[in-house]
Amino acid sequence: MHLKKLAVAVSLAYATLVASGAQAAFPYDPVAVDLFLSGTPIVQSNFIAELPVLFAPGYVQACDNITPNCAAYFAVTGTLSTNAAVPATLRGKTARITYRTRGGQYWGVAPVASAASIEWMKMDPTICTTATPSASNFNSTLACAPTGDDSGTNANARVPDLGVSEVDPSLFQSLNMEFNPATGTYRVAPSQLDLESLYATGVLQVALGVPMTNVIPTNMFFNKATLRAALSSNGFQQHDWSGIPGAPLAAVNPLNASNGTNKPVVVCRRTPGSGTQATSNYFINGFGCAGSAYVTPSRMADSNGFDATGIYVQSTVTSTPAKPIIIDPSYGYTVIENPGSGDARSCLAAAQAGTNWAFKGDDNNYYQVTFSGAATGTTTPYTNFDTSIGAPFGAIGILSYESAGKENGWHYHDLDGLLTPNAAAIDASGRPATSTAKYAVAAMTEGLWEYYSEATMQYRIGGANGKPALSGDLLTLSQALFALVGDPAVVNVNLGMAANPTYHAPTGNVTTNKVAKTTKSGRTCRPPAVFYKQQFWN
């Protein structure tokens, strides 16, 4: 009875939409083209911005009912438009596109390649209710419950047709695989046969930066070799600031006469499975591109003060917010694996301000980094009794320029002196970007800033793994999306983004262009291929 009432409520709500000029077809099955897209949300805002291009007026939008702001699913159904961006064979057909962002980029590669059924969200009147449109839910008028699970066998789940990831599928291996808290292990990397069954193409470029706490002066020269040494657990290691030329001695190299110690490097990185972290792993450490020759990225357990106080023993006690695992940065080199970009920003802010940073790790454990010198709720200093080591800490982060404009106690630092010589020229141009993102994005579009991720979209082409290739209208619609999600008209350079030249041509000059002039064509480890000549750069 309850489900019948829901169906009636949604039907009445949709009747209201129709009366106000919406399309005449009921927004559920059957539709002619039903595409399931899964993976990172990196192109979600661009995709939604293109809906008026992709669909005729009257399309209906839905969010999931389990997370705020469509953080797990977004779906749209309607009639495909007659716009030139829509292939002629699709115009006028009814279509539904479901975009799962739950779980991130892993789900845009592994289940696409292996054709595994995963949880999805069906726009069905028995599982949807009306929603109040707002900017936070992309003006969706429906809230729907996800169906099925990720077991690969649930009848209510579905195989994704198209995937999206922040790095190409070949980098989905060992150190880049996300933690699965359900099993207590890291997810299994896709097999080589599965990877060979995918066609991947680059659709968008996102510049990564080198965020540092403000105790490090912006004019201090910092190169890639030093960054690698600071972020790595083997090879040459630079785990305190004493050997970094130009580091402010009074702030991070006190050289206390009693013990001669120096303030440690703090790393506010991301967890395995993050596309941002995977980009750092390949560009800085060579992981995934250098065979066995890569330098190992540091992990949280490499911290000198990881659980150093003994107030928590992971093997015998369950962590809680009140009893977290303590990571004490006064003991030396400290690495914090933050689950999200916002957490990495908070980690940097806390390192500068000397406030404790508490978070829940991807392993479902609770952690606290005692930047203040004492655990929250106590007056006991958990330190190694070296009073020269305290806030502000010189911390380095792993963040893309999507965080530009959100600096708080930290700044984006130059790398190899590439951006600083051109800052005045770019400032004078009025390039529409915030913070130093305008320098990095301008350099990336010109092909000189190589610290970036090239987001890819991929589908099955069949092969030795015996999985079915994408075909027909689903293939045609997928290929149309490659250009749409990277359309310069919706690319936001304030977020460090540039369109890919595979699908778009540069316009304007270096200060206004939103299209990159080089591309790796969806292959992260390839050198960038030059599509268009750069205009100027020192």
Protein backbone atom coordinates (compact mmCIF):
# COMPACT_ATOMS: atom_id res chain seq x y z
CA MET A 1 0.00 0.00 0.00
CA HIS A 2 2.81 2.38 0.90
CA LEU A 3 4.53 1.81 -2.45
CA LYS A 4 1.26 2.41 -4.27
CA LYS A 5 0.87 5.72 -2.45
CA LEU A 6 4.40 6.70 -3.46
CA ALA A 7 3.68 5.83 -7.08
CA VAL A 8 0.52 7.92 -7.03
CA ALA A 9 2.37 10.83 -5.40
CA VAL A 10 5.12 10.78 -7.99
CA SER A 11 2.60 10.42 -10.83
CA LEU A 12 0.66 13.45 -9.57
CA ALA A 13 3.87 15.41 -9.18
CA TYR A 14 4.84 14.60 -12.73
CA ALA A 15 1.38 15.54 -13.96
CA THR A 16 2.10 18.97 -12.53
CA LEU A 17 5.34 19.09 -14.53
CA VAL A 18 3.48 18.16 -17.69
CA ALA A 19 0.86 20.85 -17.05
CA SER A 20 3.64 23.40 -16.74
CA GLY A 21 5.05 22.50 -20.15
CA ALA A 22 7.23 19.47 -19.42
CA GLN A 23 7.52 16.59 -21.87
CA ALA A 24 4.48 14.40 -22.28
CA ALA A 25 6.14 11.00 -21.73
CA PHE A 26 6.22 9.54 -18.21
CA PRO A 27 9.87 9.80 -17.02
CA TYR A 28 10.49 6.10 -16.45
CA ASP A 29 10.75 2.88 -18.43
CA PRO A 30 10.78 2.27 -21.24
CA VAL A 31 13.28 4.64 -22.85
CA ALA A 32 15.03 4.06 -26.14
CA VAL A 33 18.53 4.71 -24.78
CA ASP A 34 19.38 3.86 -21.16
CA LEU A 35 23.01 4.70 -20.27
CA PHE A 36 24.67 3.91 -16.94
CA LEU A 37 27.77 6.01 -16.23
CA SER A 38 29.92 5.31 -13.17
CA GLY A 39 33.08 6.74 -11.60
CA THR A 40 34.63 9.93 -10.30
CA PRO A 41 32.49 13.09 -10.13
CA ILE A 42 35.22 15.07 -11.91
CA VAL A 43 32.95 15.78 -14.92
CA GLN A 44 29.61 15.85 -13.07
CA SER A 45 29.16 19.62 -12.99
CA ASN A 46 30.09 19.89 -16.68
CA PHE A 47 27.66 17.11 -17.59
CA ILE A 48 24.81 18.80 -15.74
CA ALA A 49 25.64 22.16 -17.32
CA GLU A 50 25.22 20.53 -20.75
CA LEU A 51 21.76 19.07 -20.10
CA PRO A 52 19.98 21.90 -21.98
CA VAL A 53 22.18 21.05 -24.97
CA LEU A 54 21.71 17.30 -24.69
CA PHE A 55 17.96 17.17 -23.95
CA ALA A 56 14.89 18.94 -25.26
CA PRO A 57 13.01 21.10 -22.72
CA GLY A 58 11.05 19.11 -20.15
CA TYR A 59 13.69 16.63 -19.06
CA VAL A 60 13.41 15.38 -15.48
CA GLN A 61 16.30 15.19 -12.99
CA ALA A 62 16.74 12.96 -9.95
CA CYS A 63 19.15 12.63 -7.04
CA ASP A 64 19.68 9.73 -4.69
CA ASN A 65 17.91 9.86 -1.33
CA ILE A 66 20.87 8.62 0.73
CA THR A 67 23.39 11.46 0.48
CA PRO A 68 23.20 15.26 0.45
CA ASN A 69 23.72 17.18 -2.78
CA CYS A 70 23.54 14.19 -5.15
CA ALA A 71 26.83 12.88 -3.73
CA ALA A 72 26.11 9.28 -4.74
CA TYR A 73 23.84 9.41 -7.82
CA PHE A 74 22.38 11.81 -10.33
CA ALA A 75 20.03 10.83 -13.16
CA VAL A 76 18.17 12.55 -15.96
CA THR A 77 15.55 11.37 -18.40
CA GLY A 78 13.87 13.06 -21.33
CA THR A 79 13.97 13.41 -25.10
CA LEU A 80 17.32 13.95 -26.76
CA SER A 81 17.48 17.30 -28.50
CA THR A 82 18.09 18.25 -32.13
CA ASN A 83 21.21 20.20 -31.17
CA ALA A 84 24.22 19.65 -33.41
CA ALA A 85 26.12 18.22 -30.42
CA VAL A 86 23.69 15.27 -30.40
CA PRO A 87 24.35 12.65 -33.11
CA ALA A 88 21.65 12.64 -35.79
CA THR A 89 20.71 9.01 -35.11
CA LEU A 90 19.82 9.88 -31.49
CA ARG A 91 17.84 13.09 -31.96
CA GLY A 92 14.26 12.81 -30.77
CA LYS A 93 14.79 9.51 -28.94
CA THR A 94 13.88 9.12 -25.29
CA ALA A 95 16.89 8.58 -23.08
CA ARG A 96 17.91 8.15 -19.47
CA ILE A 97 21.42 8.69 -18.14
CA THR A 98 22.30 7.59 -14.62
CA TYR A 99 25.59 8.89 -13.22
CA ARG A 100 26.91 7.04 -10.18
CA THR A 101 29.67 8.90 -8.32
CA ARG A 102 29.45 6.75 -5.21
CA GLY A 103 32.81 5.20 -4.41
CA GLY A 104 34.78 7.30 -6.89
CA GLN A 105 36.98 6.42 -9.80
CA TYR A 106 37.54 2.71 -9.10
CA TRP A 107 33.92 2.16 -10.14
CA GLY A 108 34.61 3.83 -13.47
CA VAL A 109 37.22 1.23 -14.40
CA ALA A 110 37.04 -2.22 -12.79
CA PRO A 111 33.31 -3.03 -13.17
CA VAL A 112 33.19 -1.42 -16.62
CA ALA A 113 36.03 -3.63 -17.82
CA SER A 114 34.79 -6.85 -16.21
CA ALA A 115 31.10 -6.15 -16.89
CA ALA A 116 30.29 -6.64 -13.19
CA SER A 117 26.88 -5.63 -11.85
CA ILE A 118 27.04 -2.85 -9.28
CA GLU A 119 24.54 -0.80 -7.33
CA TRP A 120 22.68 1.76 -9.43
CA MET A 121 19.68 4.09 -9.15
CA LYS A 122 16.64 3.44 -11.28
CA MET A 123 14.18 6.29 -11.80
CA ASP A 124 11.14 4.21 -10.88
CA PRO A 125 7.88 5.49 -9.36
CA THR A 126 7.97 2.82 -6.64
CA ILE A 127 11.34 3.98 -5.28
CA CYS A 128 11.24 7.73 -5.99
CA THR A 129 9.55 10.60 -4.17
CA THR A 130 9.18 14.22 -5.11
CA ALA A 131 12.02 16.57 -4.16
CA THR A 132 12.19 20.32 -3.80
CA PRO A 133 14.44 21.69 -6.56
CA SER A 134 17.46 23.60 -5.30
CA ALA A 135 20.95 24.46 -6.43
CA SER A 136 22.37 21.87 -4.03
CA ASN A 137 20.52 19.01 -5.76
CA PHE A 138 21.01 20.38 -9.27
CA ASN A 139 17.31 21.37 -9.30
CA SER A 140 16.21 17.75 -9.24
CA THR A 141 12.50 17.14 -8.79
CA LEU A 142 12.84 13.50 -7.71
CA ALA A 143 14.72 11.63 -4.97
CA CYS A 144 15.28 7.95 -5.66
CA ALA A 145 16.59 5.00 -3.68
CA PRO A 146 19.59 3.08 -5.06
CA THR A 147 18.95 -0.55 -5.92
CA GLY A 148 21.05 -3.68 -5.71
CA ASP A 149 24.58 -3.82 -4.33
CA ASP A 150 28.20 -4.19 -5.48
CA SER A 151 28.40 -7.96 -5.10
CA GLY A 152 28.33 -8.53 -8.85
CA THR A 153 25.40 -10.91 -8.60
CA ASN A 154 22.43 -8.85 -7.32
CA ALA A 155 19.52 -8.93 -9.77
CA ASN A 156 18.62 -5.32 -8.99
CA ALA A 157 22.14 -4.09 -9.76
CA ARG A 158 23.40 -3.20 -13.22
CA VAL A 159 26.56 -3.33 -15.35
CA PRO A 160 27.94 0.17 -16.06
CA ASP A 161 28.19 1.04 -19.75
CA LEU A 162 30.64 3.93 -19.44
CA GLY A 163 33.21 4.87 -16.81
CA VAL A 164 35.06 8.01 -15.83
CA SER A 165 38.33 8.23 -13.88
CA GLU A 166 40.93 10.87 -13.07
CA VAL A 167 43.80 8.78 -14.44
CA ASP A 168 43.76 6.21 -17.21
CA PRO A 169 42.84 2.59 -16.41
CA SER A 170 46.43 1.31 -16.67
CA LEU A 171 47.29 3.05 -13.37
CA PHE A 172 44.74 1.04 -11.41
CA GLN A 173 47.23 -1.20 -9.62
CA SER A 174 48.65 -1.81 -6.10
CA LEU A 175 49.42 1.60 -4.52
CA ASN A 176 46.51 3.25 -6.35
CA MET A 177 43.85 0.77 -5.27
CA GLU A 178 41.33 1.94 -2.68
CA PHE A 179 40.78 0.32 0.70
CA ASN A 180 37.69 -1.85 1.09
CA PRO A 181 36.58 -1.51 4.72
CA ALA A 182 34.15 -4.41 4.29
CA THR A 183 37.03 -6.86 3.82
CA GLY A 184 39.83 -4.95 5.54
CA THR A 185 41.96 -5.21 2.41
CA TYR A 186 42.72 -3.14 -0.66
CA ARG A 187 40.63 -3.81 -3.74
CA VAL A 188 41.97 -6.17 -6.34
CA ALA A 189 43.44 -4.46 -9.40
CA PRO A 190 41.76 -5.16 -12.75
CA SER A 191 43.41 -7.95 -14.70
CA GLN A 192 45.48 -7.19 -17.76
CA LEU A 193 42.83 -8.87 -19.93
CA ASP A 194 40.16 -6.63 -18.44
CA LEU A 195 42.25 -3.49 -19.00
CA GLU A 196 42.87 -4.51 -22.62
CA SER A 197 39.10 -4.73 -23.14
CA LEU A 198 38.68 -0.98 -22.56
CA TYR A 199 38.86 1.98 -24.89
CA ALA A 200 39.84 5.09 -22.91
CA THR A 201 40.08 8.68 -24.09
CA GLY A 202 41.13 11.88 -22.34
CA VAL A 203 38.26 14.34 -21.93
CA LEU A 204 39.48 16.95 -19.45
CA GLN A 205 42.72 18.13 -17.86
CA VAL A 206 43.01 19.20 -14.21
CA ALA A 207 46.14 20.92 -12.92
CA LEU A 208 47.65 19.74 -9.65
CA GLY A 209 49.51 22.16 -7.43
CA VAL A 210 52.07 22.11 -4.63
CA PRO A 211 50.24 23.47 -1.58
CA MET A 212 52.42 24.46 1.38
CA THR A 213 51.70 26.01 4.73
CA ASN A 214 52.36 29.74 4.94
CA VAL A 215 55.40 29.28 7.18
CA ILE A 216 57.16 28.41 3.90
CA PRO A 217 57.71 31.65 1.95
CA THR A 218 56.14 31.77 -1.49
CA ASN A 219 59.42 32.81 -3.13
CA MET A 220 61.37 29.78 -1.88
CA PHE A 221 62.57 27.75 -4.87
CA PHE A 222 61.26 24.18 -4.81
CA ASN A 223 61.91 21.61 -7.52
CA LYS A 224 60.52 18.24 -8.45
CA ALA A 225 63.50 16.33 -7.03
CA THR A 226 63.05 17.93 -3.61
CA LEU A 227 59.31 17.27 -3.73
CA ARG A 228 59.98 13.60 -4.53
CA ALA A 229 62.40 13.33 -1.59
CA ALA A 230 59.85 14.90 0.76
CA LEU A 231 57.01 12.58 -0.32
CA SER A 232 58.89 9.28 -0.51
CA SER A 233 59.86 6.49 1.89
CA ASN A 234 62.84 5.14 -0.03
CA GLY A 235 65.61 6.53 -2.22
CA PHE A 236 66.88 9.98 -1.33
CA GLN A 237 64.70 11.32 1.49
CA GLN A 238 64.29 14.91 2.67
CA HIS A 239 62.16 14.42 5.76
CA ASP A 240 63.05 17.62 7.60
CA TRP A 241 63.59 21.14 6.32
CA SER A 242 67.29 21.40 7.16
CA GLY A 243 68.56 20.45 3.72
CA ILE A 244 66.04 22.38 1.64
CA PRO A 245 67.67 25.55 0.29
CA GLY A 246 65.85 28.70 1.23
CA ALA A 247 63.74 27.14 3.97
CA PRO A 248 63.22 29.79 6.71
CA LEU A 249 65.63 28.72 9.43
CA ALA A 250 63.94 30.59 12.25
CA ALA A 251 60.58 29.01 11.48
CA VAL A 252 61.29 25.43 10.47
CA ASN A 253 65.01 24.93 11.19
CA PRO A 254 65.51 26.12 14.78
CA LEU A 255 68.72 24.08 15.16
CA ASN A 256 68.19 23.94 18.88
CA ALA A 257 71.58 24.07 20.56
CA SER A 258 70.66 21.30 22.99
CA ASN A 259 69.81 18.64 20.46
CA GLY A 260 70.38 20.04 16.97
CA THR A 261 67.03 18.80 15.66
CA ASN A 262 65.02 20.42 12.91
CA LYS A 263 61.33 20.63 12.30
CA PRO A 264 60.03 17.72 10.28
CA VAL A 265 58.30 17.77 6.94
CA VAL A 266 54.57 17.10 7.28
CA VAL A 267 52.71 15.61 4.31
CA CYS A 268 48.94 16.12 3.98
CA ARG A 269 48.37 13.57 1.22
CA ARG A 270 45.29 11.65 0.03
CA THR A 271 44.32 8.01 0.50
CA PRO A 272 45.04 5.28 -2.06
CA GLY A 273 42.24 5.25 -4.62
CA SER A 274 42.19 9.03 -4.93
CA GLY A 275 42.78 10.28 -8.46
CA THR A 276 44.73 13.23 -7.07
CA GLN A 277 47.01 10.86 -5.17
CA ALA A 278 47.40 8.59 -8.20
CA THR A 279 48.49 11.62 -10.25
CA SER A 280 51.08 12.50 -7.62
CA ASN A 281 52.24 8.89 -7.48
CA TYR A 282 53.00 8.79 -11.20
CA PHE A 283 54.28 12.33 -11.73
CA ILE A 284 56.34 12.67 -8.56
CA ASN A 285 57.22 9.04 -7.81
CA GLY A 286 57.05 7.39 -11.23
CA PHE A 287 54.62 4.75 -10.00
CA GLY A 288 52.79 2.96 -12.79
CA CYS A 289 55.01 4.48 -15.47
CA ALA A 290 58.52 3.40 -14.49
CA GLY A 291 58.00 -0.32 -13.96
CA SER A 292 59.81 -1.45 -10.83
CA ALA A 293 62.00 1.68 -10.82
CA TYR A 294 59.52 3.93 -9.05
CA VAL A 295 60.21 5.62 -5.70
CA THR A 296 57.69 4.51 -3.07
CA PRO A 297 55.27 7.23 -1.90
CA SER A 298 55.23 7.61 1.89
CA ARG A 299 52.25 6.26 3.80
CA MET A 300 50.75 7.16 7.17
CA ALA A 301 52.54 4.29 8.89
CA ASP A 302 55.86 5.87 7.83
CA SER A 303 55.21 8.70 10.30
CA ASN A 304 57.80 8.78 13.08
CA GLY A 305 55.07 9.55 15.61
CA PHE A 306 52.45 7.09 14.42
CA ASP A 307 50.86 5.78 17.64
CA ALA A 308 54.16 6.66 19.34
CA THR A 309 52.57 7.38 22.71
CA GLY A 310 51.10 3.91 23.08
CA ILE A 311 47.71 5.25 24.22
CA TYR A 312 46.11 3.27 21.44
CA VAL A 313 47.13 -0.18 20.22
CA GLN A 314 45.43 -0.92 16.92
CA SER A 315 45.49 -4.69 17.24
CA THR A 316 43.67 -4.77 20.59
CA VAL A 317 41.51 -1.65 20.85
CA THR A 318 38.84 -0.29 18.54
CA SER A 319 39.34 3.40 17.71
CA THR A 320 36.54 5.86 18.38
CA PRO A 321 36.26 9.65 18.06
CA ALA A 322 37.00 9.81 21.80
CA LYS A 323 39.88 7.33 21.57
CA PRO A 324 41.58 7.96 18.23
CA ILE A 325 44.89 6.72 16.93
CA ILE A 326 47.39 9.44 17.81
CA ILE A 327 49.89 10.68 15.24
CA ASP A 328 52.38 12.97 16.98
CA PRO A 329 54.26 15.26 14.56
CA SER A 330 56.76 16.31 17.23
CA TYR A 331 58.45 12.93 16.81
CA GLY A 332 59.54 13.78 13.28
CA TYR A 333 58.43 13.10 9.71
CA THR A 334 54.64 12.89 9.54
CA VAL A 335 52.33 11.65 6.79
CA ILE A 336 48.54 12.02 7.01
CA GLU A 337 46.27 10.17 4.56
CA ASN A 338 43.19 12.35 4.18
CA PRO A 339 40.01 10.86 2.69
CA GLY A 340 38.97 13.98 0.73
CA SER A 341 40.30 17.21 -0.73
CA GLY A 342 38.53 19.21 1.97
CA ASP A 343 40.28 17.08 4.58
CA ALA A 344 43.67 17.72 2.99
CA ARG A 345 42.95 21.45 3.13
CA SER A 346 42.00 21.17 6.81
CA CYS A 347 45.17 19.20 7.49
CA LEU A 348 47.29 22.01 6.02
CA ALA A 349 45.38 24.67 7.96
CA ALA A 350 45.83 22.76 11.23
CA ALA A 351 49.57 22.27 10.62
CA GLN A 352 49.99 26.02 10.19
CA ALA A 353 47.76 27.05 13.08
CA GLY A 354 48.84 24.39 15.59
CA THR A 355 45.36 22.98 16.08
CA ASN A 356 44.71 19.26 16.24
CA TRP A 357 43.39 17.56 13.15
CA ALA A 358 40.96 14.67 13.66
CA PHE A 359 39.53 12.58 10.84
CA LYS A 360 38.15 9.16 9.94
CA GLY A 361 40.46 7.21 7.67
CA ASP A 362 39.49 5.09 4.70
CA ASP A 363 40.03 2.05 6.98
CA ASN A 364 37.18 3.31 9.24
CA ASN A 365 39.63 4.08 12.06
CA TYR A 366 39.63 7.45 13.81
CA TYR A 367 42.85 9.46 13.91
CA GLN A 368 44.09 12.63 15.58
CA VAL A 369 47.22 14.52 14.60
CA THR A 370 48.42 16.47 17.65
CA PHE A 371 49.67 19.65 15.98
CA SER A 372 48.90 21.47 19.26
CA GLY A 373 51.30 19.28 21.26
CA ALA A 374 48.57 17.53 23.26
CA ALA A 375 45.66 15.26 22.48
CA THR A 376 42.26 16.94 22.58
CA GLY A 377 40.67 16.69 26.00
CA THR A 378 43.96 16.26 27.85
CA THR A 379 46.63 18.53 29.25
CA THR A 380 49.36 15.94 28.82
CA PRO A 381 51.78 16.84 26.04
CA TYR A 382 52.35 13.84 23.82
CA THR A 383 55.75 14.90 22.56
CA ASN A 384 59.27 13.61 22.42
CA PHE A 385 60.21 16.42 24.81
CA ASP A 386 61.85 18.46 22.05
CA THR A 387 60.44 21.90 22.70
CA SER A 388 61.87 23.22 19.43
CA ILE A 389 59.32 21.18 17.51
CA GLY A 390 55.88 22.77 17.41
CA ALA A 391 53.55 24.74 15.19
CA PRO A 392 53.65 26.17 12.66
CA PHE A 393 54.76 23.05 10.81
CA GLY A 394 56.12 23.15 7.28
CA ALA A 395 53.55 20.98 5.53
CA ILE A 396 53.20 19.93 1.89
CA GLY A 397 49.85 18.82 0.48
CA ILE A 398 48.46 16.80 -2.40
CA LEU A 399 45.72 18.89 -4.01
CA SER A 400 44.56 19.88 -7.44
CA TYR A 401 43.80 23.49 -8.32
CA GLU A 402 40.13 22.70 -7.74
CA SER A 403 40.89 24.00 -4.23
CA ALA A 404 42.08 27.40 -5.52
CA GLY A 405 40.39 30.21 -3.64
CA LYS A 406 40.02 28.05 -0.50
CA GLU A 407 43.49 28.71 0.90
CA ASN A 408 43.53 29.05 4.69
CA GLY A 409 46.97 29.13 6.26
CA TRP A 410 48.51 27.68 3.12
CA HIS A 411 49.28 28.67 -0.46
CA TYR A 412 50.01 27.06 -3.82
CA HIS A 413 53.75 26.99 -4.36
CA ASP A 414 55.68 27.19 -7.61
CA LEU A 415 57.48 24.08 -8.89
CA ASP A 416 60.82 24.26 -10.71
CA GLY A 417 60.41 28.03 -11.02
CA LEU A 418 58.06 27.66 -13.97
CA LEU A 419 55.19 29.92 -12.89
CA THR A 420 56.89 32.82 -11.11
CA PRO A 421 58.62 34.41 -14.15
CA ASN A 422 55.28 34.61 -15.96
CA ALA A 423 53.10 35.77 -13.09
CA ALA A 424 53.22 39.47 -13.97
CA ALA A 425 52.24 38.85 -17.59
CA ILE A 426 49.34 36.61 -16.65
CA ASP A 427 48.16 38.99 -13.92
CA ALA A 428 48.17 41.84 -16.41
CA SER A 429 46.08 39.76 -18.79
CA GLY A 430 43.26 39.41 -16.27
CA ARG A 431 42.97 35.66 -16.87
CA PRO A 432 39.70 34.59 -15.25
CA ALA A 433 40.97 32.41 -12.42
CA THR A 434 41.44 32.71 -8.70
CA SER A 435 44.65 32.53 -6.73
CA THR A 436 47.68 31.06 -8.51
CA ALA A 437 45.41 28.69 -10.43
CA LYS A 438 45.61 31.17 -13.30
CA TYR A 439 49.37 30.60 -13.59
CA ALA A 440 49.19 26.81 -13.55
CA VAL A 441 46.17 26.60 -15.85
CA ALA A 442 47.78 28.96 -18.35
CA ALA A 443 50.95 26.84 -18.22
CA MET A 444 48.96 23.62 -18.56
CA THR A 445 47.02 24.86 -21.58
CA GLU A 446 50.34 25.84 -23.18
CA GLY A 447 51.76 22.37 -22.50
CA LEU A 448 54.41 23.37 -19.96
CA TRP A 449 52.83 22.48 -16.61
CA GLU A 450 52.98 18.68 -16.70
CA TYR A 451 51.74 18.07 -13.15
CA TYR A 452 48.14 17.38 -14.12
CA SER A 453 45.66 14.59 -14.41
CA GLU A 454 43.90 13.82 -17.68
CA ALA A 455 40.47 12.53 -16.77
CA THR A 456 39.42 9.67 -19.01
CA MET A 457 36.15 8.07 -20.02
CA GLN A 458 36.15 4.44 -21.06
CA TYR A 459 33.89 1.71 -22.40
CA ARG A 460 34.27 -1.96 -23.33
CA ILE A 461 35.45 -2.82 -26.81
CA GLY A 462 35.42 -6.56 -26.11
CA GLY A 463 38.47 -8.76 -26.30
CA ALA A 464 40.10 -11.74 -24.68
CA ASN A 465 38.12 -11.42 -21.45
CA GLY A 466 34.97 -12.33 -23.37
CA LYS A 467 32.90 -9.40 -22.09
CA PRO A 468 30.42 -7.75 -24.48
CA ALA A 469 31.49 -4.61 -26.29
CA LEU A 470 29.40 -1.47 -26.01
CA SER A 471 27.47 -0.93 -29.21
CA GLY A 472 24.52 0.74 -30.89
CA ASP A 473 22.91 3.84 -29.42
CA LEU A 474 24.73 3.39 -26.11
CA LEU A 475 28.07 3.63 -27.89
CA THR A 476 26.95 6.62 -29.96
CA LEU A 477 25.70 8.49 -26.89
CA SER A 478 28.88 7.67 -24.95
CA GLN A 479 31.07 9.07 -27.71
CA ALA A 480 28.97 12.24 -27.83
CA LEU A 481 29.56 12.73 -24.10
CA PHE A 482 33.35 12.80 -24.60
CA ALA A 483 33.09 16.21 -26.23
CA LEU A 484 30.20 17.51 -24.15
CA VAL A 485 31.78 17.04 -20.70
CA GLY A 486 34.92 18.85 -21.86
CA ASP A 487 33.13 21.64 -23.69
CA PRO A 488 35.12 24.89 -23.17
CA ALA A 489 31.80 26.66 -22.63
CA VAL A 490 31.37 24.81 -19.32
CA VAL A 491 35.02 24.28 -18.32
CA ASN A 492 35.80 26.27 -15.18
CA VAL A 493 39.43 27.43 -15.18
CA ASN A 494 38.91 28.59 -11.59
CA LEU A 495 38.95 24.89 -10.73
CA GLY A 496 42.19 24.31 -12.61
CA MET A 497 40.51 22.72 -15.62
CA ALA A 498 41.14 22.81 -19.35
CA ALA A 499 39.33 21.10 -22.23
CA ASN A 500 41.13 18.41 -24.23
CA PRO A 501 42.33 19.23 -27.78
CA THR A 502 41.21 15.83 -29.04
CA TYR A 503 37.66 17.20 -29.13
CA HIS A 504 38.06 20.98 -29.08
CA ALA A 505 40.24 23.63 -30.71
CA PRO A 506 41.87 26.50 -28.81
CA THR A 507 40.35 29.94 -29.15
CA GLY A 508 41.69 33.31 -28.08
CA ASN A 509 45.17 33.73 -26.65
CA VAL A 510 47.11 32.13 -23.80
CA THR A 511 45.36 34.27 -21.22
CA THR A 512 41.78 33.43 -22.23
CA ASN A 513 42.00 30.03 -23.92
CA LYS A 514 40.34 27.12 -22.10
CA VAL A 515 41.61 24.32 -24.33
CA ALA A 516 44.90 22.55 -23.70
CA LYS A 517 47.36 22.49 -26.59
CA THR A 518 48.81 19.11 -25.66
CA THR A 519 47.25 15.81 -24.64
CA LYS A 520 48.27 12.35 -23.54
CA SER A 521 45.24 10.96 -25.38
CA GLY A 522 44.03 9.15 -22.29
CA ARG A 523 47.37 7.42 -21.64
CA THR A 524 48.85 8.87 -18.46
CA CYS A 525 52.39 7.60 -18.97
CA ARG A 526 52.78 8.94 -22.51
CA PRO A 527 54.63 12.22 -23.07
CA PRO A 528 52.13 14.95 -23.99
CA ALA A 529 51.61 15.23 -27.75
CA VAL A 530 51.51 18.79 -29.09
CA PHE A 531 48.31 19.50 -31.02
CA TYR A 532 48.65 23.28 -31.25
CA LYS A 533 51.63 25.63 -31.06
CA GLN A 534 52.06 27.62 -27.86
CA GLN A 535 51.77 31.39 -28.14
CA PHE A 536 54.15 32.63 -25.50
CA TRP A 537 55.94 31.52 -22.40
CA ASN A 538 59.26 32.56 -20.92
